[in-house]
Amino acid sequence: MRFLLNVIDDRSSSATDDEGEAIDAFNDRLVAEGHWVLAAGVAHPADSLVIDARSGEAVVTPGPANDTAEWVAGFWIIEASDLDTARDLTIDGSRACGRRVELRPFLG
């Protein structure tokens, strides 16, 4: 099963050196244990574009879709055999990055 782990923060690129080392160690563990699919940090929502082409002509609006105090500042996509394993990995990921992390299963 695949899961999305969203790192919730109020800043982008905010990890301290110690957090960066802990994140690297967690990433290495994910790879070693066969859970790794993909991970990345993402830019500040102010750098985003919202694109709506549902009615044919694309409407491009700068800025976030939702103005919130916190947002997804990074993510992991992992493979896990079940929700309990994914939950335990998410707990370890939250500890590593020092942030709240939202766990969401992929559909299907």
N, C-alpha and C. Protein backbone atom coordinates (compact mmCIF):
# COMPACT_ATOMS: atom_id res chain seq x y z
N MET A 1 0.85 -1.18 0.00
CA MET A 1 0.00 0.00 0.00
C MET A 1 0.89 1.24 0.00
N ARG A 2 0.43 2.27 -0.67
CA ARG A 2 1.17 3.53 -0.68
C ARG A 2 0.45 4.56 0.20
N PHE A 3 1.28 5.40 0.81
CA PHE A 3 0.79 6.43 1.71
C PHE A 3 1.51 7.74 1.43
N LEU A 4 0.80 8.82 1.64
CA LEU A 4 1.35 10.17 1.55
C LEU A 4 1.51 10.71 2.96
N LEU A 5 2.71 11.18 3.27
CA LEU A 5 2.99 11.79 4.56
C LEU A 5 3.28 13.27 4.30
N ASN A 6 2.35 14.14 4.67
CA ASN A 6 2.50 15.58 4.46
C ASN A 6 3.12 16.23 5.70
N VAL A 7 4.23 16.92 5.49
CA VAL A 7 4.87 17.66 6.58
C VAL A 7 4.21 19.03 6.67
N ILE A 8 3.66 19.34 7.85
CA ILE A 8 2.92 20.58 8.05
C ILE A 8 3.82 21.59 8.75
N ASP A 9 3.92 22.80 8.18
CA ASP A 9 4.79 23.83 8.74
C ASP A 9 4.22 25.20 8.40
N ASP A 10 4.76 26.23 9.01
CA ASP A 10 4.35 27.60 8.69
C ASP A 10 5.47 28.34 7.95
N ARG A 11 6.51 27.60 7.58
CA ARG A 11 7.62 28.14 6.79
C ARG A 11 8.10 27.06 5.83
N SER A 12 8.80 27.46 4.77
CA SER A 12 9.43 26.51 3.87
C SER A 12 10.93 26.51 4.15
N SER A 13 11.56 25.38 3.92
CA SER A 13 13.00 25.23 4.13
C SER A 13 13.40 25.65 5.54
N SER A 14 12.65 25.21 6.54
CA SER A 14 12.88 25.68 7.90
C SER A 14 13.63 24.68 8.79
N ALA A 15 14.02 23.54 8.25
CA ALA A 15 14.70 22.53 9.07
C ALA A 15 16.05 23.05 9.57
N THR A 16 16.31 22.80 10.84
CA THR A 16 17.62 23.11 11.40
C THR A 16 18.63 22.07 10.91
N ASP A 17 19.91 22.31 11.17
CA ASP A 17 20.93 21.33 10.78
C ASP A 17 20.67 19.98 11.45
N ASP A 18 20.33 20.00 12.74
CA ASP A 18 20.04 18.75 13.46
C ASP A 18 18.83 18.04 12.86
N GLU A 19 17.78 18.80 12.53
CA GLU A 19 16.60 18.20 11.91
C GLU A 19 16.95 17.63 10.54
N GLY A 20 17.77 18.35 9.78
CA GLY A 20 18.19 17.86 8.47
C GLY A 20 18.92 16.54 8.57
N GLU A 21 19.79 16.41 9.57
CA GLU A 21 20.50 15.15 9.78
C GLU A 21 19.53 14.03 10.17
N ALA A 22 18.56 14.36 11.04
CA ALA A 22 17.57 13.36 11.45
C ALA A 22 16.69 12.95 10.27
N ILE A 23 16.34 13.89 9.42
CA ILE A 23 15.54 13.59 8.23
C ILE A 23 16.34 12.70 7.29
N ASP A 24 17.62 13.01 7.09
CA ASP A 24 18.47 12.18 6.23
C ASP A 24 18.55 10.75 6.76
N ALA A 25 18.70 10.61 8.08
CA ALA A 25 18.77 9.28 8.70
C ALA A 25 17.44 8.54 8.52
N PHE A 26 16.32 9.26 8.68
CA PHE A 26 15.01 8.64 8.48
C PHE A 26 14.85 8.21 7.02
N ASN A 27 15.27 9.07 6.09
CA ASN A 27 15.19 8.72 4.66
C ASN A 27 16.02 7.46 4.37
N ASP A 28 17.24 7.41 4.94
CA ASP A 28 18.09 6.24 4.74
C ASP A 28 17.41 4.98 5.27
N ARG A 29 16.74 5.11 6.40
CA ARG A 29 16.01 3.97 6.97
C ARG A 29 14.88 3.53 6.05
N LEU A 30 14.12 4.51 5.51
CA LEU A 30 13.03 4.17 4.59
C LEU A 30 13.57 3.39 3.39
N VAL A 31 14.70 3.83 2.85
CA VAL A 31 15.31 3.13 1.71
C VAL A 31 15.73 1.73 2.12
N ALA A 32 16.45 1.62 3.24
CA ALA A 32 16.99 0.33 3.69
C ALA A 32 15.88 -0.68 3.97
N GLU A 33 14.74 -0.21 4.47
CA GLU A 33 13.64 -1.11 4.82
C GLU A 33 12.63 -1.31 3.69
N GLY A 34 12.89 -0.70 2.52
CA GLY A 34 12.02 -0.89 1.38
C GLY A 34 10.74 -0.07 1.38
N HIS A 35 10.69 0.98 2.18
CA HIS A 35 9.49 1.83 2.25
C HIS A 35 9.58 3.05 1.33
N TRP A 36 10.77 3.40 0.90
CA TRP A 36 11.00 4.64 0.15
C TRP A 36 10.35 4.60 -1.23
N VAL A 37 9.62 5.65 -1.57
CA VAL A 37 9.15 5.88 -2.93
C VAL A 37 9.67 7.24 -3.40
N LEU A 38 9.38 8.29 -2.62
CA LEU A 38 9.76 9.65 -3.02
C LEU A 38 9.60 10.57 -1.83
N ALA A 39 10.43 11.59 -1.77
CA ALA A 39 10.27 12.64 -0.75
C ALA A 39 10.81 13.94 -1.31
N ALA A 40 10.25 15.05 -0.84
CA ALA A 40 10.72 16.36 -1.29
C ALA A 40 10.15 17.45 -0.41
N GLY A 41 10.85 18.56 -0.35
CA GLY A 41 10.30 19.77 0.21
C GLY A 41 9.65 20.55 -0.93
N VAL A 42 8.70 21.40 -0.60
CA VAL A 42 8.05 22.21 -1.63
C VAL A 42 8.12 23.69 -1.25
N ALA A 43 8.03 24.52 -2.27
CA ALA A 43 8.15 25.97 -2.10
C ALA A 43 6.99 26.54 -1.28
N HIS A 44 7.20 27.74 -0.80
CA HIS A 44 6.19 28.49 -0.06
C HIS A 44 4.93 28.64 -0.91
N PRO A 45 3.75 28.61 -0.32
CA PRO A 45 2.52 28.75 -1.09
C PRO A 45 2.45 30.04 -1.92
N ALA A 46 3.14 31.08 -1.49
CA ALA A 46 3.13 32.32 -2.27
C ALA A 46 3.75 32.13 -3.65
N ASP A 47 4.55 31.08 -3.80
CA ASP A 47 5.19 30.78 -5.08
C ASP A 47 4.33 29.88 -5.97
N SER A 48 3.12 29.58 -5.54
CA SER A 48 2.27 28.65 -6.28
C SER A 48 1.40 29.36 -7.30
N LEU A 49 0.85 28.57 -8.20
CA LEU A 49 -0.15 29.02 -9.16
C LEU A 49 -1.35 28.09 -9.03
N VAL A 50 -2.54 28.65 -9.07
CA VAL A 50 -3.76 27.85 -9.14
C VAL A 50 -4.27 27.95 -10.57
N ILE A 51 -4.42 26.78 -11.20
CA ILE A 51 -4.80 26.74 -12.60
C ILE A 51 -6.15 26.03 -12.71
N ASP A 52 -7.10 26.71 -13.35
CA ASP A 52 -8.44 26.14 -13.54
C ASP A 52 -8.76 26.15 -15.03
N ALA A 53 -8.73 24.98 -15.63
CA ALA A 53 -9.04 24.85 -17.06
C ALA A 53 -10.30 24.01 -17.27
N ARG A 54 -11.14 23.95 -16.25
CA ARG A 54 -12.34 23.12 -16.33
C ARG A 54 -13.30 23.57 -17.42
N SER A 55 -13.34 24.85 -17.71
CA SER A 55 -14.30 25.33 -18.71
C SER A 55 -13.65 25.63 -20.05
N GLY A 56 -12.47 25.07 -20.29
CA GLY A 56 -11.80 25.26 -21.58
C GLY A 56 -10.62 26.20 -21.48
N GLU A 57 -10.86 27.48 -21.37
CA GLU A 57 -9.79 28.47 -21.27
C GLU A 57 -9.18 28.40 -19.86
N ALA A 58 -7.88 28.31 -19.81
CA ALA A 58 -7.19 28.21 -18.52
C ALA A 58 -7.16 29.57 -17.82
N VAL A 59 -7.54 29.56 -16.55
CA VAL A 59 -7.44 30.74 -15.70
C VAL A 59 -6.30 30.45 -14.72
N VAL A 60 -5.28 31.29 -14.75
CA VAL A 60 -4.11 31.10 -13.91
C VAL A 60 -4.08 32.21 -12.87
N THR A 61 -4.11 31.81 -11.60
CA THR A 61 -4.14 32.77 -10.50
C THR A 61 -2.91 32.54 -9.62
N PRO A 62 -2.12 33.60 -9.38
CA PRO A 62 -0.96 33.43 -8.50
C PRO A 62 -1.39 33.27 -7.05
N GLY A 63 -0.58 32.53 -6.30
CA GLY A 63 -0.83 32.37 -4.88
C GLY A 63 -1.52 31.06 -4.56
N PRO A 64 -1.67 30.78 -3.29
CA PRO A 64 -2.21 29.48 -2.88
C PRO A 64 -3.71 29.36 -3.13
N ALA A 65 -4.15 28.10 -3.22
CA ALA A 65 -5.59 27.83 -3.36
C ALA A 65 -6.32 28.20 -2.07
N ASN A 66 -5.65 28.01 -0.94
CA ASN A 66 -6.23 28.31 0.36
C ASN A 66 -5.22 29.10 1.18
N ASP A 67 -5.64 30.17 1.78
CA ASP A 67 -4.76 30.98 2.61
C ASP A 67 -4.87 30.48 4.05
N THR A 68 -3.83 29.79 4.51
CA THR A 68 -3.84 29.21 5.85
C THR A 68 -2.54 29.56 6.57
N ALA A 69 -2.54 29.42 7.88
CA ALA A 69 -1.35 29.71 8.68
C ALA A 69 -0.29 28.63 8.50
N GLU A 70 -0.70 27.41 8.20
CA GLU A 70 0.22 26.30 7.98
C GLU A 70 -0.13 25.63 6.66
N TRP A 71 0.83 24.93 6.09
CA TRP A 71 0.62 24.28 4.81
C TRP A 71 1.56 23.09 4.69
N VAL A 72 1.44 22.37 3.58
CA VAL A 72 2.35 21.27 3.29
C VAL A 72 3.67 21.87 2.82
N ALA A 73 4.71 21.65 3.62
CA ALA A 73 6.03 22.19 3.31
C ALA A 73 6.94 21.11 2.72
N GLY A 74 6.49 19.87 2.78
CA GLY A 74 7.24 18.75 2.24
C GLY A 74 6.41 17.50 2.37
N PHE A 75 6.92 16.42 1.82
CA PHE A 75 6.16 15.18 1.87
C PHE A 75 7.07 13.98 1.66
N TRP A 76 6.57 12.85 2.10
CA TRP A 76 7.13 11.54 1.75
C TRP A 76 6.02 10.74 1.10
N ILE A 77 6.35 9.93 0.14
CA ILE A 77 5.46 8.88 -0.35
C ILE A 77 6.16 7.58 0.01
N ILE A 78 5.44 6.74 0.74
CA ILE A 78 6.04 5.50 1.22
C ILE A 78 5.21 4.29 0.82
N GLU A 79 5.85 3.14 0.85
CA GLU A 79 5.20 1.84 0.72
C GLU A 79 5.17 1.21 2.11
N ALA A 80 4.03 0.70 2.52
CA ALA A 80 3.94 0.00 3.79
C ALA A 80 2.90 -1.12 3.63
N SER A 81 3.08 -2.18 4.39
CA SER A 81 2.20 -3.33 4.26
C SER A 81 0.79 -3.07 4.79
N ASP A 82 0.68 -2.10 5.72
CA ASP A 82 -0.62 -1.83 6.32
C ASP A 82 -0.61 -0.46 7.01
N LEU A 83 -1.77 -0.04 7.45
CA LEU A 83 -1.92 1.27 8.09
C LEU A 83 -1.11 1.37 9.37
N ASP A 84 -1.05 0.31 10.16
CA ASP A 84 -0.29 0.36 11.41
C ASP A 84 1.19 0.63 11.15
N THR A 85 1.76 -0.03 10.16
CA THR A 85 3.16 0.20 9.80
C THR A 85 3.36 1.63 9.32
N ALA A 86 2.45 2.10 8.46
CA ALA A 86 2.53 3.48 7.97
C ALA A 86 2.42 4.48 9.11
N ARG A 87 1.52 4.21 10.06
CA ARG A 87 1.37 5.10 11.22
C ARG A 87 2.65 5.15 12.03
N ASP A 88 3.27 4.00 12.27
CA ASP A 88 4.52 3.97 13.03
C ASP A 88 5.64 4.73 12.31
N LEU A 89 5.71 4.57 10.99
CA LEU A 89 6.70 5.32 10.21
C LEU A 89 6.42 6.81 10.26
N THR A 90 5.15 7.18 10.22
CA THR A 90 4.79 8.60 10.28
C THR A 90 5.18 9.20 11.63
N ILE A 91 5.00 8.46 12.70
CA ILE A 91 5.44 8.92 14.02
C ILE A 91 6.94 9.18 14.00
N ASP A 92 7.70 8.25 13.43
CA ASP A 92 9.16 8.43 13.36
C ASP A 92 9.54 9.60 12.45
N GLY A 93 8.79 9.79 11.37
CA GLY A 93 9.04 10.93 10.48
C GLY A 93 8.77 12.25 11.16
N SER A 94 7.70 12.30 11.95
CA SER A 94 7.37 13.51 12.70
C SER A 94 8.47 13.84 13.71
N ARG A 95 8.96 12.81 14.37
CA ARG A 95 10.06 13.02 15.32
C ARG A 95 11.31 13.51 14.60
N ALA A 96 11.59 12.93 13.44
CA ALA A 96 12.79 13.30 12.69
C ALA A 96 12.76 14.75 12.23
N CYS A 97 11.62 15.18 11.70
CA CYS A 97 11.57 16.54 11.14
C CYS A 97 11.11 17.59 12.14
N GLY A 98 10.61 17.14 13.29
CA GLY A 98 10.15 18.10 14.30
C GLY A 98 8.91 18.87 13.89
N ARG A 99 8.08 18.25 13.10
CA ARG A 99 6.86 18.90 12.62
C ARG A 99 5.68 17.92 12.75
N ARG A 100 4.46 18.47 12.65
CA ARG A 100 3.29 17.60 12.53
C ARG A 100 3.33 16.98 11.13
N VAL A 101 2.89 15.74 11.04
CA VAL A 101 2.86 15.05 9.74
C VAL A 101 1.49 14.40 9.58
N GLU A 102 0.86 14.67 8.46
CA GLU A 102 -0.45 14.11 8.13
C GLU A 102 -0.24 12.82 7.32
N LEU A 103 -0.86 11.75 7.74
CA LEU A 103 -0.78 10.45 7.05
C LEU A 103 -2.06 10.25 6.26
N ARG A 104 -1.90 9.98 4.95
CA ARG A 104 -3.07 9.72 4.10
C ARG A 104 -2.79 8.54 3.17
N PRO A 105 -3.66 7.56 3.17
CA PRO A 105 -3.49 6.44 2.24
C PRO A 105 -3.87 6.85 0.81
N PHE A 106 -3.19 6.26 -0.15
CA PHE A 106 -3.57 6.43 -1.55
C PHE A 106 -4.86 5.65 -1.77
N LEU A 107 -5.67 6.10 -2.69
CA LEU A 107 -6.88 5.37 -3.06
C LEU A 107 -6.53 4.19 -3.95
N GLY A 108 -7.34 3.16 -3.86
CA GLY A 108 -7.19 2.03 -4.77
C GLY A 108 -6.30 0.99 -4.35
